[in-house]
Amino acid sequence: MSSTHNSCRVVAIGNPGPILQQISDALNSQAEYQLIDMIPSPERLVREISAARPDVVIVDSDLDGKPTLDMIEDIALEFSEIAIIAILSVSDPIEIQRVLLAGARTFLVRPFTQINLLSTLGGVRELESRRQRNQTATKAGSLEGSRPLRTLTVFSPRGGAGCSTLAVNLALAIYEETNQRVLLLEGKQFFGHIDVMLNIRTQNTLADLIPHAGNLDDSLIRDVVIGHGSGIHVLLGPNNLQVAQGIHPDDLYGVFIGLQRAYDLILIDAGSTLTEHAVTFMDAADRILLITTPELASLRDVRRFMHIGQSLAYDPEKLLIVLNRENLLGGVSTKDIETTLRRRVFARIPEDSPNMMRSLNRGIPLIMKYPRSAASRAIKQLAITLCEMKEVDLVRAPITQSINKAQREALLASAQFG
C-alpha cells in the first residue's frame, strides 16, 4: 500500500451529511490517516480517483438512493491495488455477499462508531501490508530458495466448466512427465465424479482419514488411498452428505498436511461450489488453476472470483487462468477474454466434446484413450509447464486467518456462483 509519511490516503464517496462528516472527524483525529478527498457524485469518478491516488476508498452503498455495486466493481477493476470499504444500510448476508463479490475488501454497517471505522481501516492496512511483504519476498526469492510446485487446486466458479475432467487428465499427464508420487484428491464436498471417470469402485473416502487428522501415518494412508492402473493414487470425496457437512476445515487441513508428507504432488479437484472445503484447499495450494469457458456467464463468474481472491489475500500470480473448450462454436475469442479479465490466459484446452464424452462414459481418461487428440496434447503441455514452474516458500499466515470471520461467512453465504 502506498503511503505519504507513513499515512494511509483515503477517499470517501457518499452523500454530503452525517456519514461523510463522521468519516472526516475520525480520520482527521488520527495522524496515520489522510482524508484527501470526499466525492459526492459518481460523475468523473475514475478520473478523480486516478488523480487522488488513494490507498483506500470508502463507498456508501446507497448513493443518492441508488445502489453502488456497479461503482464498486468499476473501481475494483480499474484500480486493483486500492482497497474498497463498503458502507451498508443493514447487516444482510445477501447484500454483504454482493458488495464483496463486486470487489469490496470489507464492510461497515450503519450506524457505526469512529472506533469501528478506525478498527476496520487498521485491519485493511494490515492485510495490504502483509500482501506487500509476501510480494516482496517472492520477488527477492532466488532459485536456490525455490522448489517445484507441490499442490495444485483446480476450481471454477461456474459448473460444467470441466474441472474434474481437467484434474483427472492433468494428474495423469504430470505422473507420465515426472514418474513421481502423484495423488488426485477429490475436494468436492459431495457429488464428485472422479470414481466414474476412472472406473473406480471403492467405499474408501477422505472421511476415513478425518478422525486421524492430527496423526496420519503411511500405513493408514495406504489403506484408504486407491491405486489406479495408470500409476497415480486417488482419494475420493465423502459419499455421505451428513458426514461431508460434518468435516471441519481445520481437520481437512490436518489431513492435507499428512498427505503432503506422503506424496510429491497433490492435485485437488475443488469443483465449482464455494464452500469452506474449497477455500481450505485453495488457501493451501501453491497455484489455483481457475477454469473458464469462452462464455460470458463463465467469464463474469471468473472475474467475480478474482475479486474474492483479492479479499482472501491471494497473490495474483497464484491464480492461473485456464481456458477450456477454446474455439467453441460461437464462443468468445481468447483475445477478448484476456481483455475482459485483464489477465493473460495461462493455458488453452481446445474444444473436444465428442472425445471427452466417450472417454467419460467408458471410464477411461482422455489422454489414455485419445492421446493424440488436440485436447490431450494441450493438457500434456500444461503438465510440462507446471512441472517446470518453481514456488518460493513464504512465511504464510494460518489459512483460517486470511480474512476475518464475518467476511468468510459472507463469502460462503451462497453455495453456488451462477
Protein backbone atom coordinates (compact mmCIF):
# COMPACT_ATOMS: atom_id res chain seq x y z
CA MET A 1 0.00 0.00 0.00
CA SER A 2 1.45 3.36 -0.95
CA SER A 3 1.89 5.97 1.74
CA THR A 4 2.88 9.54 2.33
CA HIS A 5 4.92 9.96 5.52
CA ASN A 6 3.53 6.58 6.61
CA SER A 7 -0.04 7.86 6.31
CA CYS A 8 -2.88 5.98 4.64
CA ARG A 9 -4.54 8.04 1.92
CA VAL A 10 -8.34 7.75 1.96
CA VAL A 11 -11.08 8.89 -0.43
CA ALA A 12 -14.72 8.82 0.75
CA ILE A 13 -17.62 8.59 -1.71
CA GLY A 14 -21.11 9.41 -0.46
CA ASN A 15 -23.89 11.92 0.00
CA PRO A 16 -22.99 15.07 1.96
CA GLY A 17 -24.25 14.62 5.50
CA PRO A 18 -23.58 12.85 8.81
CA ILE A 19 -21.80 9.80 7.35
CA LEU A 20 -19.16 11.77 5.47
CA GLN A 21 -18.78 14.12 8.43
CA GLN A 22 -18.25 11.16 10.76
CA ILE A 23 -15.60 9.75 8.41
CA SER A 24 -13.90 13.13 8.21
CA ASP A 25 -13.84 13.58 12.00
CA ALA A 26 -12.48 10.09 12.59
CA LEU A 27 -9.67 10.34 10.02
CA ASN A 28 -8.65 13.88 10.92
CA SER A 29 -8.19 12.77 14.53
CA GLN A 30 -5.55 10.21 13.57
CA ALA A 31 -2.12 11.09 12.21
CA GLU A 32 -1.77 7.83 10.31
CA TYR A 33 -4.75 8.59 8.05
CA GLN A 34 -5.09 11.33 5.47
CA LEU A 35 -8.52 12.14 4.05
CA ILE A 36 -7.57 13.51 0.66
CA ASP A 37 -11.00 13.84 -0.98
CA MET A 38 -14.74 13.43 -0.39
CA ILE A 39 -16.61 12.75 -3.63
CA PRO A 40 -20.38 13.37 -3.53
CA SER A 41 -21.17 12.26 -7.10
CA PRO A 42 -20.20 9.27 -9.27
CA GLU A 43 -19.62 11.56 -12.25
CA ARG A 44 -15.97 11.55 -13.37
CA LEU A 45 -15.30 9.11 -10.54
CA VAL A 46 -12.46 7.22 -12.24
CA ARG A 47 -10.70 10.45 -13.20
CA GLU A 48 -10.89 11.84 -9.66
CA ILE A 49 -9.69 8.61 -8.05
CA SER A 50 -6.85 8.39 -10.56
CA ALA A 51 -5.78 11.92 -9.66
CA ALA A 52 -6.09 11.35 -5.90
CA ARG A 53 -4.19 8.01 -5.88
CA PRO A 54 -5.66 6.79 -2.58
CA ASP A 55 -4.83 3.61 -0.68
CA VAL A 56 -8.42 3.11 0.48
CA VAL A 57 -11.78 4.14 -0.96
CA ILE A 58 -14.80 4.18 1.35
CA VAL A 59 -18.06 3.88 -0.61
CA ASP A 60 -21.56 4.46 0.72
CA SER A 61 -23.57 1.64 -0.88
CA ASP A 62 -26.68 3.84 -1.19
CA LEU A 63 -25.53 6.94 -3.05
CA ASP A 64 -28.36 9.32 -3.92
CA GLY A 65 -30.77 6.48 -3.25
CA LYS A 66 -29.17 4.27 -5.91
CA PRO A 67 -27.16 1.07 -5.34
CA THR A 68 -23.41 1.42 -5.92
CA LEU A 69 -22.49 -2.17 -6.77
CA ASP A 70 -21.52 -1.22 -10.33
CA MET A 71 -19.40 1.63 -8.98
CA ILE A 72 -17.58 -0.70 -6.57
CA GLU A 73 -16.95 -3.18 -9.38
CA ASP A 74 -15.66 -0.43 -11.70
CA ILE A 75 -13.23 0.84 -9.05
CA ALA A 76 -12.04 -2.69 -8.26
CA LEU A 77 -11.40 -3.46 -11.93
CA GLU A 78 -9.73 -0.14 -12.74
CA PHE A 79 -7.66 0.12 -9.53
CA SER A 80 -6.94 -3.40 -8.25
CA GLU A 81 -4.33 -2.06 -5.79
CA ILE A 82 -6.91 0.08 -3.95
CA ALA A 83 -8.78 -1.43 -1.00
CA ILE A 84 -12.52 -0.70 -1.00
CA ILE A 85 -14.65 -0.49 2.15
CA ALA A 86 -18.42 -0.51 1.59
CA ILE A 87 -20.89 1.10 3.99
CA LEU A 88 -24.16 -0.85 4.18
CA SER A 89 -27.57 0.16 5.49
CA VAL A 90 -28.38 -3.24 7.02
CA SER A 91 -26.44 -6.34 8.06
CA ASP A 92 -27.96 -8.53 5.35
CA PRO A 93 -25.82 -11.57 4.34
CA ILE A 94 -27.03 -11.34 0.75
CA GLU A 95 -26.14 -7.66 0.49
CA ILE A 96 -22.78 -8.30 2.18
CA GLN A 97 -22.07 -11.03 -0.33
CA ARG A 98 -22.94 -8.74 -3.24
CA VAL A 99 -20.53 -5.98 -2.26
CA LEU A 100 -17.74 -8.48 -1.57
CA LEU A 101 -18.29 -10.17 -4.93
CA ALA A 102 -18.24 -6.73 -6.57
CA GLY A 103 -14.74 -6.15 -5.18
CA ALA A 104 -15.00 -4.62 -1.70
CA ARG A 105 -12.38 -5.86 0.76
CA THR A 106 -14.65 -5.43 3.78
CA PHE A 107 -17.70 -3.51 5.01
CA LEU A 108 -19.25 -1.41 7.76
CA VAL A 109 -22.93 -1.34 8.74
CA ARG A 110 -24.70 1.89 9.65
CA PRO A 111 -24.74 3.14 12.34
CA PHE A 112 -21.08 2.68 13.18
CA THR A 113 -18.75 4.41 15.60
CA GLN A 114 -15.47 6.12 14.84
CA ILE A 115 -13.78 3.25 16.68
CA ASN A 116 -15.46 0.76 14.31
CA LEU A 117 -14.24 2.74 11.31
CA LEU A 118 -10.66 3.08 12.54
CA SER A 119 -10.53 -0.59 13.50
CA THR A 120 -11.73 -1.63 10.03
CA LEU A 121 -9.19 0.65 8.37
CA GLY A 122 -6.47 -0.81 10.58
CA GLY A 123 -7.43 -4.34 9.52
CA VAL A 124 -7.35 -3.38 5.85
CA ARG A 125 -3.94 -1.74 6.24
CA GLU A 126 -2.55 -4.85 7.92
CA LEU A 127 -3.94 -7.08 5.16
CA GLU A 128 -2.39 -4.88 2.46
CA SER A 129 0.90 -4.70 4.35
CA ARG A 130 1.04 -8.50 4.58
CA ARG A 131 0.27 -8.78 0.86
CA GLN A 132 3.12 -6.40 0.02
CA ARG A 133 5.54 -8.28 2.27
CA ASN A 134 4.64 -11.54 0.53
CA GLN A 135 5.07 -9.98 -2.91
CA THR A 136 8.45 -8.53 -1.88
CA ALA A 137 9.56 -11.89 -0.53
CA THR A 138 8.50 -13.56 -3.76
CA LYS A 139 10.48 -11.11 -5.88
CA ALA A 140 13.51 -11.41 -3.60
CA GLY A 141 13.46 -15.20 -3.62
CA SER A 142 16.17 -16.85 -5.69
CA LEU A 143 16.06 -20.22 -7.42
CA GLU A 144 18.14 -21.59 -4.54
CA GLY A 145 15.20 -20.97 -2.21
CA SER A 146 12.60 -22.32 -4.59
CA ARG A 147 11.04 -25.73 -5.04
CA PRO A 148 8.78 -27.46 -7.56
CA LEU A 149 5.05 -26.98 -7.19
CA ARG A 150 3.64 -29.50 -4.74
CA THR A 151 -0.06 -28.66 -4.61
CA LEU A 152 -2.42 -27.62 -7.41
CA THR A 153 -6.11 -26.88 -6.88
CA VAL A 154 -8.49 -26.89 -9.85
CA PHE A 155 -11.56 -24.68 -9.40
CA SER A 156 -14.18 -22.95 -11.49
CA PRO A 157 -16.86 -20.61 -10.15
CA ARG A 158 -19.22 -21.94 -12.82
CA GLY A 159 -20.46 -25.51 -13.00
CA GLY A 160 -19.85 -27.53 -16.15
CA ALA A 161 -16.54 -25.84 -16.98
CA GLY A 162 -14.67 -29.16 -16.87
CA CYS A 163 -12.83 -29.07 -13.52
CA SER A 164 -12.99 -32.81 -12.86
CA THR A 165 -12.08 -33.75 -16.43
CA LEU A 166 -9.06 -31.46 -16.39
CA ALA A 167 -7.99 -32.55 -12.89
CA VAL A 168 -8.08 -36.27 -13.80
CA ASN A 169 -6.22 -35.90 -17.07
CA LEU A 170 -3.72 -33.40 -15.70
CA ALA A 171 -2.85 -35.71 -12.79
CA LEU A 172 -2.13 -38.50 -15.29
CA ALA A 173 -0.09 -36.19 -17.52
CA ILE A 174 2.03 -34.96 -14.60
CA TYR A 175 2.66 -38.55 -13.50
CA GLU A 176 3.73 -39.50 -17.02
CA GLU A 177 6.03 -36.48 -17.14
CA THR A 178 7.68 -36.92 -13.72
CA ASN A 179 7.08 -40.55 -12.65
CA GLN A 180 6.72 -39.18 -9.11
CA ARG A 181 4.16 -39.95 -6.42
CA VAL A 182 1.01 -38.11 -7.56
CA LEU A 183 -2.24 -38.01 -5.59
CA LEU A 184 -5.53 -36.96 -7.18
CA LEU A 185 -7.72 -35.73 -4.33
CA GLU A 186 -11.45 -35.16 -4.77
CA GLY A 187 -12.04 -31.91 -2.93
CA LYS A 188 -15.74 -31.60 -3.67
CA GLN A 189 -17.84 -31.71 -0.53
CA PHE A 190 -20.32 -34.02 -2.27
CA PHE A 191 -21.39 -35.14 -5.78
CA GLY A 192 -17.90 -35.96 -7.02
CA HIS A 193 -17.36 -37.92 -10.26
CA ILE A 194 -13.73 -38.99 -10.22
CA ASP A 195 -14.72 -42.60 -9.47
CA VAL A 196 -16.83 -42.64 -12.64
CA MET A 197 -14.12 -41.04 -14.76
CA LEU A 198 -11.51 -43.55 -13.62
CA ASN A 199 -13.87 -46.54 -13.30
CA ILE A 200 -13.02 -46.94 -9.59
CA ARG A 201 -15.17 -48.92 -7.19
CA THR A 202 -14.40 -48.39 -3.52
CA GLN A 203 -16.03 -47.32 -0.27
CA ASN A 204 -12.84 -45.63 0.95
CA THR A 205 -13.09 -41.85 1.10
CA LEU A 206 -11.46 -38.78 2.57
CA ALA A 207 -13.83 -39.06 5.53
CA ASP A 208 -11.96 -42.20 6.69
CA LEU A 209 -8.87 -40.08 7.39
CA ILE A 210 -10.61 -37.24 9.24
CA PRO A 211 -10.63 -38.97 12.69
CA HIS A 212 -6.84 -39.33 12.36
CA ALA A 213 -6.22 -35.81 11.01
CA GLY A 214 -3.53 -34.99 13.54
CA ASN A 215 -1.70 -38.32 13.33
CA LEU A 216 -1.70 -39.70 9.78
CA ASP A 217 0.89 -42.38 9.07
CA ASP A 218 1.88 -44.01 5.80
CA SER A 219 0.17 -47.32 6.55
CA LEU A 220 -3.19 -45.65 7.19
CA ILE A 221 -2.88 -43.58 4.03
CA ARG A 222 -2.09 -46.71 2.01
CA ASP A 223 -5.16 -48.45 3.45
CA VAL A 224 -7.52 -45.64 2.37
CA VAL A 225 -5.99 -44.24 -0.82
CA ILE A 226 -6.70 -46.19 -4.02
CA GLY A 227 -4.08 -47.01 -6.62
CA HIS A 228 -5.15 -46.58 -10.25
CA GLY A 229 -3.83 -48.64 -13.13
CA SER A 230 -2.23 -45.55 -14.65
CA GLY A 231 0.14 -45.21 -11.68
CA ILE A 232 -1.49 -42.31 -9.83
CA HIS A 233 -3.18 -42.62 -6.44
CA VAL A 234 -6.74 -41.42 -5.84
CA LEU A 235 -8.58 -40.25 -2.71
CA LEU A 236 -12.31 -39.82 -3.27
CA GLY A 237 -14.56 -37.32 -1.53
CA PRO A 238 -17.14 -38.31 1.11
CA ASN A 239 -20.07 -40.36 -0.21
CA ASN A 240 -22.40 -39.39 2.64
CA LEU A 241 -23.79 -35.85 2.74
CA GLN A 242 -24.15 -35.70 6.54
CA VAL A 243 -20.58 -36.89 7.00
CA ALA A 244 -19.34 -34.38 4.44
CA GLN A 245 -21.10 -31.49 6.15
CA GLY A 246 -19.61 -32.51 9.50
CA ILE A 247 -16.00 -32.21 8.35
CA HIS A 248 -14.33 -29.15 9.88
CA PRO A 249 -11.86 -27.13 7.78
CA ASP A 250 -9.12 -27.47 10.42
CA ASP A 251 -9.37 -31.28 10.29
CA LEU A 252 -9.40 -31.16 6.50
CA TYR A 253 -6.22 -29.09 6.55
CA GLY A 254 -4.66 -31.56 9.01
CA VAL A 255 -5.35 -34.44 6.61
CA PHE A 256 -3.90 -32.41 3.76
CA ILE A 257 -0.67 -31.81 5.68
CA GLY A 258 -0.38 -35.54 6.38
CA LEU A 259 -0.95 -36.39 2.71
CA GLN A 260 1.66 -33.85 1.63
CA ARG A 261 4.30 -35.79 3.53
CA ALA A 262 3.43 -38.93 1.55
CA TYR A 263 3.25 -37.50 -2.00
CA ASP A 264 5.42 -35.41 -4.27
CA LEU A 265 2.43 -33.65 -5.80
CA ILE A 266 -1.23 -33.39 -4.82
CA LEU A 267 -3.76 -32.27 -7.42
CA ILE A 268 -7.15 -31.30 -5.97
CA ASP A 269 -10.45 -31.16 -7.82
CA ALA A 270 -12.25 -28.44 -5.83
CA GLY A 271 -15.24 -28.31 -8.20
CA SER A 272 -17.39 -25.22 -8.67
CA THR A 273 -19.04 -24.65 -5.30
CA LEU A 274 -17.55 -22.06 -2.95
CA THR A 275 -17.55 -23.95 0.35
CA GLU A 276 -15.18 -23.84 3.30
CA HIS A 277 -13.69 -27.09 1.99
CA ALA A 278 -12.90 -25.48 -1.37
CA VAL A 279 -11.46 -22.35 0.25
CA THR A 280 -9.29 -24.50 2.55
CA PHE A 281 -7.81 -26.33 -0.44
CA MET A 282 -7.31 -23.08 -2.35
CA ASP A 283 -5.61 -21.47 0.64
CA ALA A 284 -3.21 -24.40 0.90
CA ALA A 285 -2.40 -24.67 -2.82
CA ASP A 286 0.76 -23.39 -4.49
CA ARG A 287 -1.32 -22.47 -7.54
CA ILE A 288 -5.03 -22.38 -8.33
CA LEU A 289 -6.00 -23.36 -11.87
CA LEU A 290 -9.04 -21.16 -12.44
CA ILE A 291 -11.08 -22.77 -15.21
CA THR A 292 -13.25 -20.77 -17.58
CA THR A 293 -15.02 -21.47 -20.83
CA PRO A 294 -15.49 -18.96 -23.69
CA GLU A 295 -18.95 -17.86 -22.48
CA LEU A 296 -19.92 -14.51 -20.99
CA ALA A 297 -21.55 -16.08 -17.93
CA SER A 298 -18.41 -18.07 -17.16
CA LEU A 299 -16.19 -15.02 -17.65
CA ARG A 300 -18.37 -12.93 -15.35
CA ASP A 301 -18.13 -15.54 -12.60
CA VAL A 302 -14.36 -15.85 -13.01
CA ARG A 303 -13.97 -12.08 -12.80
CA ARG A 304 -16.04 -12.06 -9.60
CA PHE A 305 -13.93 -14.83 -8.14
CA MET A 306 -10.78 -12.85 -8.92
CA HIS A 307 -12.20 -10.10 -6.68
CA ILE A 308 -12.75 -12.69 -3.97
CA GLY A 309 -9.15 -13.79 -4.44
CA GLN A 310 -8.11 -10.26 -3.50
CA SER A 311 -10.25 -10.42 -0.36
CA LEU A 312 -8.64 -13.76 0.51
CA ALA A 313 -5.20 -12.11 0.13
CA TYR A 314 -4.15 -14.37 -2.75
CA ASP A 315 -1.16 -13.15 -4.71
CA PRO A 316 -2.31 -12.50 -8.31
CA GLU A 317 0.33 -14.98 -9.52
CA LYS A 318 -1.37 -17.73 -7.53
CA LEU A 319 -4.35 -17.72 -9.93
CA LEU A 320 -3.66 -19.28 -13.33
CA ILE A 321 -6.44 -18.81 -15.90
CA VAL A 322 -7.10 -21.96 -17.95
CA LEU A 323 -9.42 -21.60 -20.92
CA ASN A 324 -11.26 -24.86 -21.53
CA ARG A 325 -13.16 -25.60 -24.75
CA GLU A 326 -11.28 -22.94 -26.72
CA ASN A 327 -12.68 -22.36 -30.21
CA LEU A 328 -16.14 -23.41 -29.07
CA LEU A 329 -18.57 -22.51 -31.85
CA GLY A 330 -19.93 -19.05 -31.10
CA GLY A 331 -17.60 -18.63 -28.12
CA VAL A 332 -15.71 -15.50 -27.03
CA SER A 333 -12.25 -15.14 -28.55
CA THR A 334 -9.15 -15.61 -26.40
CA LYS A 335 -8.10 -12.01 -27.04
CA ASP A 336 -11.45 -10.70 -25.80
CA ILE A 337 -11.27 -13.00 -22.76
CA GLU A 338 -7.88 -11.58 -21.78
CA THR A 339 -9.22 -8.06 -22.29
CA THR A 340 -12.26 -8.79 -20.13
CA LEU A 341 -10.33 -10.46 -17.31
CA ARG A 342 -7.31 -8.17 -17.64
CA ARG A 343 -5.17 -11.26 -17.22
CA ARG A 344 -3.19 -13.45 -19.58
CA VAL A 345 -4.69 -16.86 -20.28
CA PHE A 346 -2.14 -19.31 -18.86
CA ALA A 347 -3.25 -22.37 -20.85
CA ARG A 348 -5.81 -23.18 -23.54
CA ILE A 349 -7.54 -26.53 -23.98
CA PRO A 350 -9.25 -26.95 -27.37
CA GLU A 351 -12.90 -27.92 -27.68
CA ASP A 352 -13.17 -31.71 -27.95
CA SER A 353 -16.61 -32.59 -26.55
CA PRO A 354 -17.18 -35.84 -28.52
CA ASN A 355 -13.95 -37.47 -27.33
CA MET A 356 -14.43 -36.08 -23.82
CA MET A 357 -17.90 -37.62 -23.65
CA ARG A 358 -16.76 -41.00 -24.97
CA SER A 359 -13.86 -41.19 -22.52
CA LEU A 360 -16.15 -40.24 -19.62
CA ASN A 361 -18.75 -42.87 -20.49
CA ARG A 362 -16.09 -45.57 -20.77
CA GLY A 363 -14.26 -44.62 -17.59
CA ILE A 364 -11.00 -44.13 -19.50
CA PRO A 365 -9.33 -40.67 -19.22
CA LEU A 366 -8.97 -38.69 -22.43
CA ILE A 367 -5.17 -38.72 -22.54
CA MET A 368 -5.21 -42.53 -22.26
CA LYS A 369 -7.98 -43.23 -24.79
CA TYR A 370 -7.23 -40.41 -27.25
CA PRO A 371 -3.58 -39.46 -26.54
CA ARG A 372 -3.14 -37.74 -29.93
CA SER A 373 -6.22 -35.51 -29.73
CA ALA A 374 -5.64 -31.75 -29.63
CA ALA A 375 -7.07 -31.54 -26.11
CA SER A 376 -4.78 -34.33 -24.86
CA ARG A 377 -1.73 -32.64 -26.34
CA ALA A 378 -2.71 -29.32 -24.72
CA ILE A 379 -3.15 -30.98 -21.31
CA LYS A 380 0.25 -32.67 -21.62
CA GLN A 381 1.84 -29.34 -22.48
CA LEU A 382 0.15 -27.76 -19.45
CA ALA A 383 1.60 -30.54 -17.30
CA ILE A 384 5.10 -29.86 -18.64
CA THR A 385 4.75 -26.12 -17.98
CA LEU A 386 3.56 -26.69 -14.41
CA CYS A 387 6.36 -29.16 -13.72
CA GLU A 388 8.88 -26.52 -14.81
CA MET A 389 7.43 -23.85 -12.52
CA LYS A 390 9.06 -23.05 -9.20
CA GLU A 391 7.49 -21.96 -5.94
CA VAL A 392 9.25 -19.74 -3.40
CA ASP A 393 8.47 -20.74 0.18
CA LEU A 394 6.89 -17.84 2.01
CA VAL A 395 6.01 -17.31 5.63
CA ARG A 396 2.22 -17.58 5.43
CA ALA A 397 -0.43 -16.64 7.94
CA PRO A 398 -2.57 -19.54 9.17
CA ILE A 399 -5.12 -20.32 6.47
CA THR A 400 -8.05 -19.61 8.77
CA GLN A 401 -6.83 -16.02 9.24
CA SER A 402 -6.82 -14.94 5.58
CA ILE A 403 -9.89 -12.79 6.20
CA ASN A 404 -11.99 -12.06 9.24
CA LYS A 405 -14.81 -14.38 10.26
CA ALA A 406 -17.61 -12.07 9.10
CA GLN A 407 -16.11 -11.77 5.63
CA ARG A 408 -15.55 -15.51 5.28
CA GLU A 409 -19.14 -16.27 6.34
CA ALA A 410 -20.45 -13.70 3.86
CA LEU A 411 -18.35 -15.10 1.02
CA LEU A 412 -19.72 -18.56 1.74
CA ALA A 413 -23.34 -17.44 2.25
CA SER A 414 -24.16 -18.72 -1.21
CA ALA A 415 -23.07 -22.21 -2.23
CA GLN A 416 -23.14 -21.54 -5.99
CA PHE A 417 -21.99 -18.59 -8.07
CA GLY A 418 -24.33 -18.88 -11.03
